Amino acid sequence: MNIAIYSRKSRFTGKGESIHTQINLCKEYAQKKFDCIDNFIIYEDEGFSGGNIDRPKYQEMIQDALHYKFQVLICYRLDRISRNISDFSNTIQILQNQNIDFISLREQFDTSTPMGRAMMYTASVFAQLERETIAERIRDNMLELAKTGRWLGGITPTGFISKSSQVIDKEGKTRKMFQLSPVPEEIKIIKILYEQFLLLKSLTKLETYCIQNHIKTKNNIDFTRFSLKNILTNPVYATADKDLYDYFISNDFEVYSNKSDFDGKNGIMAYNKTFQQKHKSNTLKSTSEWIISIGTHLGVIPSNIWIRVQELISQNKSKSFRKVKNTQALLSGILICKNCGSFMRPKMGRIKKNGEKAYYYICEQKEKSKRQNCNMNNVNGNEIDQLVIESIQDLTSETSVLYDIMKKNKITIPLISNKTTSEIKRLQKNIKIKEKAIQNLVYTLSQGQDRHIINYIMDQINELHKEIEEIEKKITSLQEKKNTIQINENEIKTINNILMSFSELINTLTISKKRNLIQNLIKKIHWDGNVVHIFPKMFPQ
């Protein structure tokens, strides 16, 4: 079990518990409560306020929590985490989502106990109430902002940039407002995409058209079906007229502007389109939750064209693009075209006389561009899969290079690990010596001394604190190095075990399990049209 300890102190003063006192008290509690502790992970923020969460070690702790690096978080007091109720609630929510127990010594807040979990539930109810209140307030603000048709910030849609302007509000105050301004070259591309989609009636074909005609995004990369769909379904390009108003109303959009405002000139602004959560990617809301308003920018695409595009996309949903699946192929996700760097995916061929399904791997870029950007030879799937299996079986031979590498790693890695552990212990012992020296100096101060002597002793105490901090940084660095070594050692053991039993296992597994087994051993495979280049995970790349 890994236990995290978080400590914070705004600044070095004689008041309150020091960072080191907080950590020691948390360690003592953990050692009494938990029988098995593999490792303490210490996070210290000294000189940082609890008014916000903009603290380096706090942020590192949250990232480690999201990656399941510890199972319990302990702090001395609740306000060490945050003095802000909202920030504290969010932290507790993250820990709860990751199934991490939280303990605060001073308040006896312990979610590893039934009473602590009940307190957590009560806290989460109030946090949910606060979130819903905030969400309602944000929505009300959006409705007010929708009256202005302004751009509220973020990444602008292709075809536009954001420009600021000065406006005078109802109270006569001058305020800055942002609005979308067209980029002529990008607007040309937008019009081409809509026109070609109506002709091709397929996102996949439109993607191929863009690749073949070197039409790229504003970031100069190839359009994908998904980026094209985002553009084709964005109301920002549509010209606001009566037909468009009727389309929005009939499809349950929430339209904030009056029908008379849809005069066939301006474009559309859509607010409240996405769910935005910390530590998670944004997701698109149902269109019934979008807030539709007239924008300050001019429309780009006539409403009848925009509406027709929506209808086509809706019709195509049932037959939307799906990757060609092949239950026999083993190398999906690791077989790469050496010419262009694209993945090669399986495609069904004929059925052989013996009833075996024949398949081959084809370069994705070759297929998308219709051979224009890449013309790599296809490769027989049945043959290359068998060749890779035989090559892995050869790696178990005592004459193979991989066997030699693994044999050496078995010896060197534990030696490095032991050396690192010894150095950590030496540094920890050095810290105890310096902490003892600080205690002695504090005792000397308590006896009452001349002012000059007191200043001298305080300087010594401060210097010892700095030395301890430097040593602790070294320990953290060494601990990270040790953890990396342990991961490598475990990886070697795992791969070694797989290799030793590969020949026996491979013929007894399902296709799916064979595929997983191969991907545990092989990092990537290059096909250059004639030769297969296999890169096992243990080889230096």
Protein backbone atom coordinates (compact mmCIF):
# COMPACT_ATOMS: atom_id res chain seq x y z
CA MET A 1 0.00 0.00 0.00
CA ASN A 2 1.29 3.45 -0.94
CA ILE A 3 0.27 6.31 1.37
CA ALA A 4 0.48 9.97 0.35
CA ILE A 5 1.06 12.71 2.92
CA TYR A 6 0.31 16.32 2.04
CA SER A 7 1.62 19.21 4.14
CA ARG A 8 1.41 22.96 3.65
CA LYS A 9 2.53 26.03 5.53
CA SER A 10 2.11 29.60 4.28
CA ARG A 11 5.50 30.81 5.53
CA PHE A 12 8.23 30.03 8.04
CA THR A 13 7.08 31.33 11.43
CA GLY A 14 7.09 30.10 14.98
CA LYS A 15 3.30 29.71 14.86
CA GLY A 16 1.51 26.57 13.79
CA GLU A 17 2.88 23.14 13.03
CA SER A 18 5.96 23.00 10.80
CA ILE A 19 6.02 21.01 7.58
CA HIS A 20 8.19 18.36 9.21
CA THR A 21 5.95 18.11 12.29
CA GLN A 22 2.87 17.64 10.06
CA ILE A 23 4.62 14.86 8.11
CA ASN A 24 5.91 13.06 11.22
CA LEU A 25 2.47 13.09 12.87
CA CYS A 26 0.88 11.72 9.69
CA LYS A 27 3.52 8.98 9.46
CA GLU A 28 2.97 7.95 13.06
CA TYR A 29 -0.80 7.73 12.52
CA ALA A 30 -0.37 5.68 9.31
CA GLN A 31 2.04 3.25 10.96
CA LYS A 32 -0.44 2.61 13.78
CA LYS A 33 -3.54 2.32 11.57
CA PHE A 34 -2.20 0.40 8.56
CA ASP A 35 -0.28 -2.86 8.92
CA CYS A 36 1.26 -2.90 5.44
CA ILE A 37 2.88 0.27 4.06
CA ASP A 38 5.05 -0.12 0.96
CA ASN A 39 5.94 3.51 0.57
CA PHE A 40 5.23 7.05 1.81
CA ILE A 41 4.88 9.65 -0.94
CA ILE A 42 5.48 13.10 0.54
CA TYR A 43 4.13 16.34 -0.96
CA GLU A 44 5.27 19.61 0.66
CA ASP A 45 4.16 23.14 -0.23
CA GLU A 46 5.92 25.66 1.99
CA GLY A 47 5.28 29.35 1.46
CA PHE A 48 1.94 28.81 -0.34
CA SER A 49 -1.49 30.07 0.72
CA GLY A 50 -4.46 27.74 1.15
CA GLY A 51 -6.71 30.29 -0.57
CA ASN A 52 -6.26 28.56 -3.94
CA ILE A 53 -4.84 25.33 -5.38
CA ASP A 54 -2.13 26.94 -7.51
CA ARG A 55 0.61 25.03 -5.64
CA PRO A 56 3.23 22.83 -7.36
CA LYS A 57 3.17 19.85 -5.02
CA TYR A 58 -0.62 19.92 -4.68
CA GLN A 59 -0.95 19.76 -8.48
CA GLU A 60 1.62 16.93 -8.61
CA MET A 61 -0.38 15.07 -5.95
CA ILE A 62 -3.62 15.38 -7.95
CA GLN A 63 -1.91 14.04 -11.09
CA ASP A 64 -0.49 11.10 -9.11
CA ALA A 65 -3.98 10.43 -7.70
CA LEU A 66 -5.40 10.31 -11.22
CA HIS A 67 -2.71 7.75 -12.11
CA TYR A 68 -3.48 5.59 -9.02
CA LYS A 69 -0.01 6.06 -7.46
CA PHE A 70 -1.35 5.90 -3.90
CA GLN A 71 -4.37 4.44 -2.08
CA VAL A 72 -4.62 6.74 0.97
CA LEU A 73 -4.07 10.50 1.41
CA ILE A 74 -3.32 11.86 4.88
CA CYS A 75 -2.99 15.47 6.02
CA TYR A 76 -2.71 17.07 9.45
CA ARG A 77 -5.68 19.45 9.06
CA LEU A 78 -8.40 19.91 6.45
CA ASP A 79 -7.28 23.47 5.70
CA ARG A 80 -3.87 22.13 4.64
CA ILE A 81 -5.64 20.91 1.49
CA SER A 82 -7.51 24.18 0.92
CA ARG A 83 -9.28 26.99 2.73
CA ASN A 84 -11.63 27.32 -0.24
CA ILE A 85 -14.78 25.17 0.13
CA SER A 86 -15.22 24.68 -3.61
CA ASP A 87 -11.57 23.62 -4.15
CA PHE A 88 -11.76 21.27 -1.16
CA SER A 89 -14.99 19.68 -2.47
CA ASN A 90 -13.41 19.17 -5.90
CA THR A 91 -10.37 17.51 -4.30
CA ILE A 92 -12.57 15.16 -2.29
CA GLN A 93 -14.56 14.33 -5.45
CA ILE A 94 -11.36 13.42 -7.33
CA LEU A 95 -10.20 11.17 -4.47
CA GLN A 96 -13.63 9.55 -4.29
CA ASN A 97 -13.64 8.87 -8.05
CA GLN A 98 -10.23 7.18 -7.74
CA ASN A 99 -11.30 5.13 -4.64
CA ILE A 100 -8.62 6.85 -2.53
CA ASP A 101 -9.28 7.10 1.23
CA PHE A 102 -8.76 10.52 2.82
CA ILE A 103 -7.72 11.13 6.42
CA SER A 104 -7.36 14.40 8.34
CA LEU A 105 -5.80 13.91 11.79
CA ARG A 106 -7.00 17.07 13.54
CA GLU A 107 -10.67 16.72 12.59
CA GLN A 108 -10.65 12.89 12.64
CA PHE A 109 -12.02 12.89 9.08
CA ASP A 110 -11.36 9.32 7.89
CA THR A 111 -13.14 7.92 4.82
CA SER A 112 -11.68 4.47 5.43
CA THR A 113 -14.28 4.13 8.25
CA PRO A 114 -18.11 3.91 7.96
CA MET A 115 -18.60 7.22 9.83
CA GLY A 116 -16.01 8.94 7.63
CA ARG A 117 -17.73 7.70 4.50
CA ALA A 118 -21.04 9.04 5.82
CA MET A 119 -19.39 12.44 6.35
CA MET A 120 -18.02 12.21 2.81
CA TYR A 121 -21.49 11.51 1.46
CA THR A 122 -22.92 14.53 3.32
CA ALA A 123 -20.10 16.72 1.99
CA SER A 124 -20.69 15.45 -1.56
CA VAL A 125 -24.42 16.32 -1.32
CA PHE A 126 -23.59 19.92 -0.47
CA ALA A 127 -20.90 20.01 -3.16
CA GLN A 128 -23.42 18.75 -5.74
CA LEU A 129 -25.90 21.43 -4.63
CA GLU A 130 -23.20 24.06 -5.06
CA ARG A 131 -22.28 22.74 -8.53
CA GLU A 132 -25.91 22.78 -9.65
CA THR A 133 -26.34 26.33 -8.34
CA ILE A 134 -23.21 27.43 -10.20
CA ALA A 135 -24.38 25.66 -13.39
CA GLU A 136 -27.75 27.42 -13.18
CA ARG A 137 -26.05 30.77 -12.66
CA ILE A 138 -23.74 30.13 -15.65
CA ARG A 139 -26.73 29.28 -17.82
CA ASP A 140 -28.52 32.48 -16.77
CA ASN A 141 -25.39 34.47 -17.64
CA MET A 142 -25.20 32.73 -21.03
CA LEU A 143 -28.78 33.70 -21.78
CA GLU A 144 -27.93 37.32 -21.06
CA LEU A 145 -24.75 37.16 -23.15
CA ALA A 146 -26.72 35.56 -26.00
CA LYS A 147 -28.47 38.89 -26.49
CA THR A 148 -25.18 40.42 -27.65
CA GLY A 149 -24.07 37.64 -30.06
CA ARG A 150 -20.52 38.08 -28.79
CA TRP A 151 -17.65 35.57 -28.86
CA LEU A 152 -16.98 34.34 -25.32
CA GLY A 153 -13.45 33.07 -25.84
CA GLY A 154 -11.63 29.83 -26.58
CA ILE A 155 -10.38 28.41 -29.88
CA THR A 156 -12.13 30.19 -32.73
CA PRO A 157 -13.81 28.08 -35.44
CA THR A 158 -11.97 27.67 -38.76
CA GLY A 159 -12.68 30.73 -40.91
CA PHE A 160 -12.65 33.27 -38.09
CA ILE A 161 -10.43 35.10 -35.63
CA SER A 162 -11.51 36.96 -32.51
CA LYS A 163 -11.35 40.78 -32.53
CA SER A 164 -12.14 43.18 -29.71
CA SER A 165 -14.23 46.32 -29.95
CA GLN A 166 -15.43 49.02 -27.56
CA VAL A 167 -19.16 49.20 -26.73
CA ILE A 168 -21.19 51.42 -24.40
CA ASP A 169 -23.52 49.52 -22.06
CA LYS A 170 -26.90 50.63 -20.68
CA GLU A 171 -25.22 52.47 -17.83
CA GLY A 172 -23.10 54.50 -20.23
CA LYS A 173 -19.85 52.65 -19.39
CA THR A 174 -17.37 51.72 -22.10
CA ARG A 175 -16.66 47.99 -22.16
CA LYS A 176 -14.59 45.65 -24.32
CA MET A 177 -16.47 43.05 -26.38
CA PHE A 178 -15.08 40.28 -28.61
CA GLN A 179 -16.63 39.22 -31.89
CA LEU A 180 -15.76 36.88 -34.75
CA SER A 181 -14.01 38.38 -37.75
CA PRO A 182 -13.64 36.40 -41.05
CA VAL A 183 -10.34 35.05 -42.43
CA PRO A 184 -10.90 35.11 -46.24
CA GLU A 185 -8.57 32.20 -47.13
CA GLU A 186 -10.14 29.95 -44.51
CA ILE A 187 -13.68 30.97 -45.49
CA LYS A 188 -12.90 29.76 -49.03
CA ILE A 189 -12.02 26.33 -47.61
CA ILE A 190 -15.24 26.23 -45.57
CA LYS A 191 -17.32 26.89 -48.70
CA ILE A 192 -15.44 24.16 -50.63
CA LEU A 193 -16.09 21.63 -47.84
CA TYR A 194 -19.84 22.28 -47.83
CA GLU A 195 -20.07 22.18 -51.65
CA GLN A 196 -18.06 18.95 -51.94
CA PHE A 197 -19.97 17.22 -49.16
CA LEU A 198 -23.24 17.85 -51.01
CA LEU A 199 -21.68 16.31 -54.14
CA LEU A 200 -19.94 13.35 -52.45
CA LYS A 201 -22.54 12.77 -49.70
CA SER A 202 -19.92 11.04 -47.53
CA LEU A 203 -17.46 12.20 -44.85
CA THR A 204 -15.03 9.44 -45.85
CA LYS A 205 -15.07 10.56 -49.49
CA LEU A 206 -14.72 14.20 -48.41
CA GLU A 207 -11.69 13.22 -46.32
CA THR A 208 -10.13 11.56 -49.40
CA TYR A 209 -10.96 14.62 -51.53
CA CYS A 210 -9.15 16.90 -49.05
CA ILE A 211 -6.07 14.66 -48.96
CA GLN A 212 -5.88 14.37 -52.74
CA ASN A 213 -6.30 18.13 -53.21
CA HIS A 214 -3.92 19.07 -50.37
CA ILE A 215 -6.66 20.91 -48.45
CA LYS A 216 -5.49 21.11 -44.84
CA THR A 217 -6.69 22.50 -41.52
CA LYS A 218 -5.62 25.92 -40.27
CA ASN A 219 -2.92 24.04 -38.31
CA ASN A 220 -1.64 22.61 -41.62
CA ILE A 221 -2.57 18.98 -40.95
CA ASP A 222 -4.87 16.66 -42.90
CA PHE A 223 -8.59 16.87 -42.21
CA THR A 224 -10.13 13.80 -40.60
CA ARG A 225 -13.75 12.68 -40.84
CA PHE A 226 -14.26 13.92 -37.28
CA SER A 227 -12.81 17.41 -37.84
CA LEU A 228 -14.85 17.69 -41.04
CA LYS A 229 -18.04 16.71 -39.21
CA ASN A 230 -17.38 19.38 -36.55
CA ILE A 231 -17.18 22.04 -39.27
CA LEU A 232 -20.20 20.78 -41.21
CA THR A 233 -22.45 20.70 -38.12
CA ASN A 234 -21.36 24.03 -36.63
CA PRO A 235 -24.20 26.62 -36.87
CA VAL A 236 -21.65 29.47 -36.79
CA TYR A 237 -21.36 29.31 -40.60
CA ALA A 238 -25.10 29.30 -41.38
CA THR A 239 -26.87 32.47 -42.54
CA ALA A 240 -29.71 33.33 -40.16
CA ASP A 241 -33.01 33.53 -42.06
CA LYS A 242 -36.59 32.41 -41.44
CA ASP A 243 -35.98 28.88 -42.81
CA LEU A 244 -33.10 28.39 -40.40
CA TYR A 245 -35.22 29.64 -37.49
CA ASP A 246 -37.91 27.09 -38.37
CA TYR A 247 -35.26 24.33 -38.58
CA PHE A 248 -33.94 25.15 -35.09
CA ILE A 249 -37.42 25.27 -33.56
CA SER A 250 -38.52 21.99 -35.19
CA ASN A 251 -35.36 20.23 -33.95
CA ASP A 252 -35.73 21.41 -30.33
CA PHE A 253 -32.85 23.89 -30.26
CA GLU A 254 -33.30 26.62 -27.65
CA VAL A 255 -33.50 29.78 -29.76
CA TYR A 256 -33.04 32.97 -27.77
CA SER A 257 -33.45 35.51 -30.61
CA ASN A 258 -36.81 36.45 -32.14
CA LYS A 259 -37.81 35.20 -35.58
CA SER A 260 -37.73 38.78 -36.86
CA ASP A 261 -33.98 38.88 -36.02
CA PHE A 262 -33.33 36.11 -38.59
CA ASP A 263 -33.04 38.59 -41.48
CA GLY A 264 -30.73 36.62 -43.82
CA LYS A 265 -27.54 38.57 -43.04
CA ASN A 266 -25.70 37.49 -39.92
CA GLY A 267 -24.34 34.14 -38.80
CA ILE A 268 -25.27 32.12 -35.71
CA MET A 269 -23.70 31.87 -32.27
CA ALA A 270 -24.29 28.64 -30.32
CA TYR A 271 -23.61 28.72 -26.57
CA ASN A 272 -23.62 25.96 -23.93
CA LYS A 273 -22.45 23.34 -26.45
CA THR A 274 -20.09 21.27 -24.30
CA PHE A 275 -19.67 19.71 -20.87
CA GLN A 276 -16.47 21.08 -19.33
CA GLN A 277 -14.94 19.17 -16.41
CA LYS A 278 -11.55 19.42 -14.76
CA HIS A 279 -9.11 16.67 -15.73
CA LYS A 280 -11.46 15.42 -18.47
CA SER A 281 -11.84 16.23 -22.15
CA ASN A 282 -14.89 18.26 -23.17
CA THR A 283 -17.90 16.35 -24.48
CA LEU A 284 -20.65 17.66 -26.76
CA LYS A 285 -24.09 18.21 -25.23
CA SER A 286 -27.38 17.36 -26.89
CA THR A 287 -28.39 20.06 -29.38
CA SER A 288 -31.57 20.60 -27.32
CA GLU A 289 -29.33 22.19 -24.64
CA TRP A 290 -27.57 24.57 -27.04
CA ILE A 291 -28.48 28.24 -26.79
CA ILE A 292 -28.91 29.71 -30.28
CA SER A 293 -28.57 33.43 -30.95
CA ILE A 294 -27.83 35.82 -33.83
CA GLY A 295 -24.08 36.56 -34.07
CA THR A 296 -22.41 39.87 -34.91
CA HIS A 297 -20.54 38.24 -37.84
CA LEU A 298 -21.94 37.74 -41.36
CA GLY A 299 -23.23 34.32 -42.42
CA VAL A 300 -21.02 32.19 -44.70
CA ILE A 301 -23.21 29.30 -45.86
CA PRO A 302 -26.80 29.82 -47.12
CA SER A 303 -29.33 28.29 -44.75
CA ASN A 304 -30.76 25.86 -47.32
CA ILE A 305 -27.28 24.38 -47.93
CA TRP A 306 -26.48 24.16 -44.19
CA ILE A 307 -29.83 22.46 -43.47
CA ARG A 308 -29.36 19.97 -46.36
CA VAL A 309 -25.91 19.07 -44.98
CA GLN A 310 -27.42 18.36 -41.53
CA GLU A 311 -30.04 16.10 -43.11
CA LEU A 312 -27.40 14.14 -45.05
CA ILE A 313 -25.23 13.69 -41.95
CA SER A 314 -28.25 12.48 -40.00
CA GLN A 315 -29.14 9.98 -42.78
CA ASN A 316 -25.57 8.66 -42.81
CA LYS A 317 -25.47 8.00 -39.05
CA SER A 318 -26.72 4.45 -39.42
CA LYS A 319 -23.99 3.71 -41.97
CA SER A 320 -21.25 5.86 -40.42
CA PHE A 321 -17.62 4.92 -40.95
CA ARG A 322 -16.40 1.85 -39.13
CA LYS A 323 -12.93 0.42 -39.28
CA VAL A 324 -12.79 -2.81 -41.24
CA LYS A 325 -12.74 -5.54 -38.63
CA ASN A 326 -10.95 -8.82 -39.14
CA THR A 327 -11.12 -11.44 -36.43
CA GLN A 328 -8.06 -13.26 -37.81
CA ALA A 329 -5.52 -10.38 -38.00
CA LEU A 330 -2.93 -10.25 -35.19
CA LEU A 331 -0.87 -7.14 -35.97
CA SER A 332 -3.48 -4.35 -35.90
CA GLY A 333 -2.10 -1.33 -34.03
CA ILE A 334 1.61 -2.25 -34.32
CA LEU A 335 2.13 -2.80 -38.06
CA ILE A 336 3.31 0.47 -39.63
CA CYS A 337 4.03 1.53 -43.21
CA LYS A 338 7.71 2.48 -43.31
CA ASN A 339 7.12 4.80 -46.27
CA CYS A 340 4.62 7.25 -44.72
CA GLY A 341 4.38 6.19 -41.06
CA SER A 342 0.67 5.36 -41.19
CA PHE A 343 -0.80 2.26 -39.59
CA MET A 344 -1.59 -0.68 -41.84
CA ARG A 345 -5.01 -2.18 -41.23
CA PRO A 346 -6.44 -5.55 -42.21
CA LYS A 347 -8.77 -6.01 -45.14
CA MET A 348 -10.57 -9.17 -46.17
CA GLY A 349 -9.54 -10.97 -49.35
CA ARG A 350 -10.73 -14.16 -50.93
CA ILE A 351 -11.47 -17.43 -49.14
CA LYS A 352 -8.91 -20.14 -49.87
CA LYS A 353 -9.78 -23.60 -51.17
CA ASN A 354 -9.19 -25.08 -47.71
CA GLY A 355 -11.79 -22.68 -46.27
CA GLU A 356 -9.24 -20.38 -44.59
CA LYS A 357 -10.05 -16.68 -44.79
CA ALA A 358 -7.34 -14.78 -46.66
CA TYR A 359 -6.64 -11.17 -45.69
CA TYR A 360 -4.00 -8.55 -46.26
CA TYR A 361 -2.75 -5.37 -44.58
CA ILE A 362 -3.11 -2.05 -46.43
CA CYS A 363 -1.59 1.36 -45.57
CA GLU A 364 -4.32 3.71 -44.29
CA GLN A 365 -2.79 6.73 -46.05
CA LYS A 366 -2.63 4.77 -49.31
CA GLU A 367 -6.30 3.85 -49.04
CA LYS A 368 -7.48 7.33 -47.98
CA SER A 369 -5.55 9.16 -50.70
CA LYS A 370 -6.33 6.52 -53.36
CA ARG A 371 -2.57 5.83 -53.80
CA GLN A 372 -1.76 9.52 -54.28
CA ASN A 373 0.22 10.11 -51.04
CA CYS A 374 1.53 6.58 -50.55
CA ASN A 375 1.78 3.52 -52.80
CA MET A 376 3.16 0.95 -50.39
CA ASN A 377 2.70 -2.69 -51.42
CA ASN A 378 0.03 -4.55 -49.50
CA VAL A 379 1.27 -7.49 -47.44
CA ASN A 380 -0.29 -10.93 -47.09
CA GLY A 381 -1.83 -11.01 -43.59
CA ASN A 382 -1.77 -14.79 -43.12
CA GLU A 383 1.94 -14.94 -43.97
CA ILE A 384 3.19 -11.91 -41.99
CA ASP A 385 1.26 -12.95 -38.86
CA GLN A 386 2.84 -16.41 -38.94
CA LEU A 387 6.28 -14.92 -39.63
CA VAL A 388 6.02 -12.69 -36.54
CA ILE A 389 4.96 -15.63 -34.35
CA GLU A 390 7.94 -17.68 -35.53
CA SER A 391 10.30 -14.72 -34.94
CA ILE A 392 9.08 -14.34 -31.34
CA GLN A 393 9.59 -18.05 -30.75
CA ASP A 394 13.18 -17.67 -31.97
CA LEU A 395 13.77 -14.96 -29.32
CA THR A 396 13.55 -17.60 -26.57
CA SER A 397 16.67 -19.26 -27.91
CA GLU A 398 19.79 -18.87 -25.70
CA THR A 399 21.67 -17.59 -28.75
CA SER A 400 19.28 -14.67 -29.33
CA VAL A 401 20.27 -11.05 -28.66
CA LEU A 402 17.17 -10.47 -26.51
CA TYR A 403 18.03 -13.42 -24.27
CA ASP A 404 21.48 -11.92 -23.67
CA ILE A 405 20.06 -8.47 -22.85
CA MET A 406 17.59 -9.92 -20.38
CA LYS A 407 20.23 -12.07 -18.73
CA LYS A 408 22.40 -8.98 -18.12
CA ASN A 409 19.47 -6.89 -16.88
CA LYS A 410 18.65 -9.52 -14.27
CA ILE A 411 22.05 -8.86 -12.73
CA THR A 412 22.55 -5.11 -13.14
CA ILE A 413 19.14 -3.72 -12.22
CA PRO A 414 18.97 -5.11 -8.64
CA LEU A 415 22.51 -3.79 -8.04
CA ILE A 416 21.51 -0.28 -9.16
CA SER A 417 18.34 -0.50 -7.07
CA ASN A 418 20.25 -1.57 -3.94
CA LYS A 419 22.76 1.26 -4.39
CA THR A 420 19.92 3.79 -4.69
CA THR A 421 18.22 2.43 -1.57
CA SER A 422 21.46 2.73 0.43
CA GLU A 423 21.93 6.35 -0.68
CA ILE A 424 18.34 7.21 0.32
CA LYS A 425 18.90 5.69 3.79
CA ARG A 426 22.16 7.65 4.19
CA LEU A 427 20.42 10.92 3.31
CA GLN A 428 17.49 10.18 5.65
CA LYS A 429 19.96 9.57 8.47
CA ASN A 430 21.63 12.89 7.66
CA ILE A 431 18.24 14.64 7.95
CA LYS A 432 17.68 13.17 11.42
CA ILE A 433 21.10 14.46 12.53
CA LYS A 434 20.28 17.97 11.29
CA GLU A 435 16.79 17.88 12.86
CA LYS A 436 18.42 16.93 16.17
CA ALA A 437 20.81 19.87 15.77
CA ILE A 438 17.82 22.19 15.21
CA GLN A 439 16.13 20.88 18.37
CA ASN A 440 19.30 21.57 20.39
CA LEU A 441 19.52 25.11 19.00
CA VAL A 442 15.84 25.73 19.80
CA TYR A 443 16.48 24.52 23.35
CA THR A 444 19.44 26.93 23.62
CA LEU A 445 17.16 29.79 22.49
CA SER A 446 14.62 28.91 25.16
CA GLN A 447 17.26 29.48 27.88
CA GLY A 448 17.47 33.17 26.99
CA GLN A 449 20.54 34.64 25.33
CA ASP A 450 22.11 37.88 24.21
CA ARG A 451 20.34 39.40 21.14
CA HIS A 452 23.41 38.90 18.93
CA ILE A 453 23.66 35.25 19.97
CA ILE A 454 19.92 34.78 19.28
CA ASN A 455 20.35 36.19 15.76
CA TYR A 456 23.34 33.90 15.21
CA ILE A 457 21.38 30.84 16.39
CA MET A 458 18.39 31.76 14.17
CA ASP A 459 20.72 32.01 11.18
CA GLN A 460 22.04 28.54 11.98
CA ILE A 461 18.49 27.15 12.27
CA ASN A 462 17.50 28.67 8.93
CA GLU A 463 20.63 27.29 7.28
CA LEU A 464 19.93 23.80 8.66
CA HIS A 465 16.35 24.01 7.32
CA LYS A 466 17.68 24.89 3.86
CA GLU A 467 20.14 21.97 3.99
CA ILE A 468 17.30 19.61 4.96
CA GLU A 469 15.20 20.87 2.04
CA GLU A 470 18.07 20.22 -0.39
CA ILE A 471 18.57 16.71 0.98
CA GLU A 472 14.85 15.98 0.70
CA LYS A 473 14.92 17.08 -2.96
CA LYS A 474 17.76 14.59 -3.54
CA ILE A 475 15.75 11.86 -1.81
CA THR A 476 12.70 12.61 -4.00
CA SER A 477 14.85 12.42 -7.12
CA LEU A 478 16.43 9.14 -6.01
CA GLN A 479 13.04 7.71 -5.08
CA GLU A 480 11.71 8.49 -8.56
CA LYS A 481 14.80 6.83 -10.05
CA LYS A 482 14.27 3.80 -7.82
CA ASN A 483 10.59 3.54 -8.82
CA THR A 484 11.59 3.67 -12.50
CA ILE A 485 14.14 0.91 -11.94
CA GLN A 486 11.55 -1.21 -10.17
CA ILE A 487 9.13 -0.74 -13.07
CA ASN A 488 11.85 -1.79 -15.54
CA GLU A 489 12.73 -4.81 -13.41
CA ASN A 490 9.08 -5.88 -13.24
CA GLU A 491 8.68 -5.33 -16.97
CA ILE A 492 11.71 -7.53 -17.68
CA LYS A 493 10.35 -10.28 -15.43
CA THR A 494 6.93 -10.09 -17.12
CA ILE A 495 8.35 -10.17 -20.64
CA ASN A 496 10.75 -12.97 -19.70
CA ASN A 497 7.88 -15.07 -18.32
CA ILE A 498 5.80 -14.44 -21.46
CA LEU A 499 8.71 -15.35 -23.74
CA MET A 500 9.52 -18.55 -21.90
CA SER A 501 5.93 -19.79 -22.23
CA PHE A 502 5.15 -18.19 -25.61
CA SER A 503 5.59 -21.33 -27.73
CA GLU A 504 3.29 -23.34 -25.47
CA LEU A 505 0.67 -20.60 -25.12
CA ILE A 506 0.32 -19.20 -28.63
CA ASN A 507 -1.46 -22.16 -30.19
CA THR A 508 -3.92 -22.53 -27.31
CA LEU A 509 -5.23 -18.94 -27.25
CA THR A 510 -8.08 -17.19 -29.02
CA ILE A 511 -7.22 -14.66 -31.75
CA SER A 512 -7.94 -11.75 -29.39
CA LYS A 513 -5.64 -13.14 -26.68
CA LYS A 514 -2.93 -13.92 -29.25
CA ARG A 515 -3.11 -10.30 -30.38
CA ASN A 516 -2.73 -9.04 -26.78
CA LEU A 517 0.17 -11.41 -26.13
CA ILE A 518 2.05 -10.20 -29.22
CA GLN A 519 1.44 -6.53 -28.31
CA ASN A 520 2.93 -7.16 -24.85
CA LEU A 521 6.17 -8.24 -26.52
CA ILE A 522 6.41 -6.17 -29.70
CA LYS A 523 6.62 -2.36 -29.74
CA LYS A 524 6.17 -1.90 -33.50
CA ILE A 525 6.65 -3.61 -36.85
CA HIS A 526 7.73 -1.81 -40.02
CA TRP A 527 6.81 -3.04 -43.52
CA ASP A 528 8.96 -1.52 -46.29
CA GLY A 529 7.31 -3.35 -49.16
CA ASN A 530 9.74 -6.28 -49.15
CA VAL A 531 11.12 -6.81 -45.64
CA VAL A 532 9.48 -6.97 -42.20
CA HIS A 533 11.36 -5.11 -39.41
CA ILE A 534 10.33 -6.24 -35.89
CA PHE A 535 11.11 -4.08 -32.82
CA PRO A 536 10.70 -6.03 -29.53
CA LYS A 537 9.93 -3.88 -26.48
CA MET A 538 13.22 -4.76 -24.75
CA PHE A 539 15.48 -3.69 -27.63
CA PRO A 540 16.94 -0.15 -27.60
CA GLN A 541 15.02 1.87 -30.22
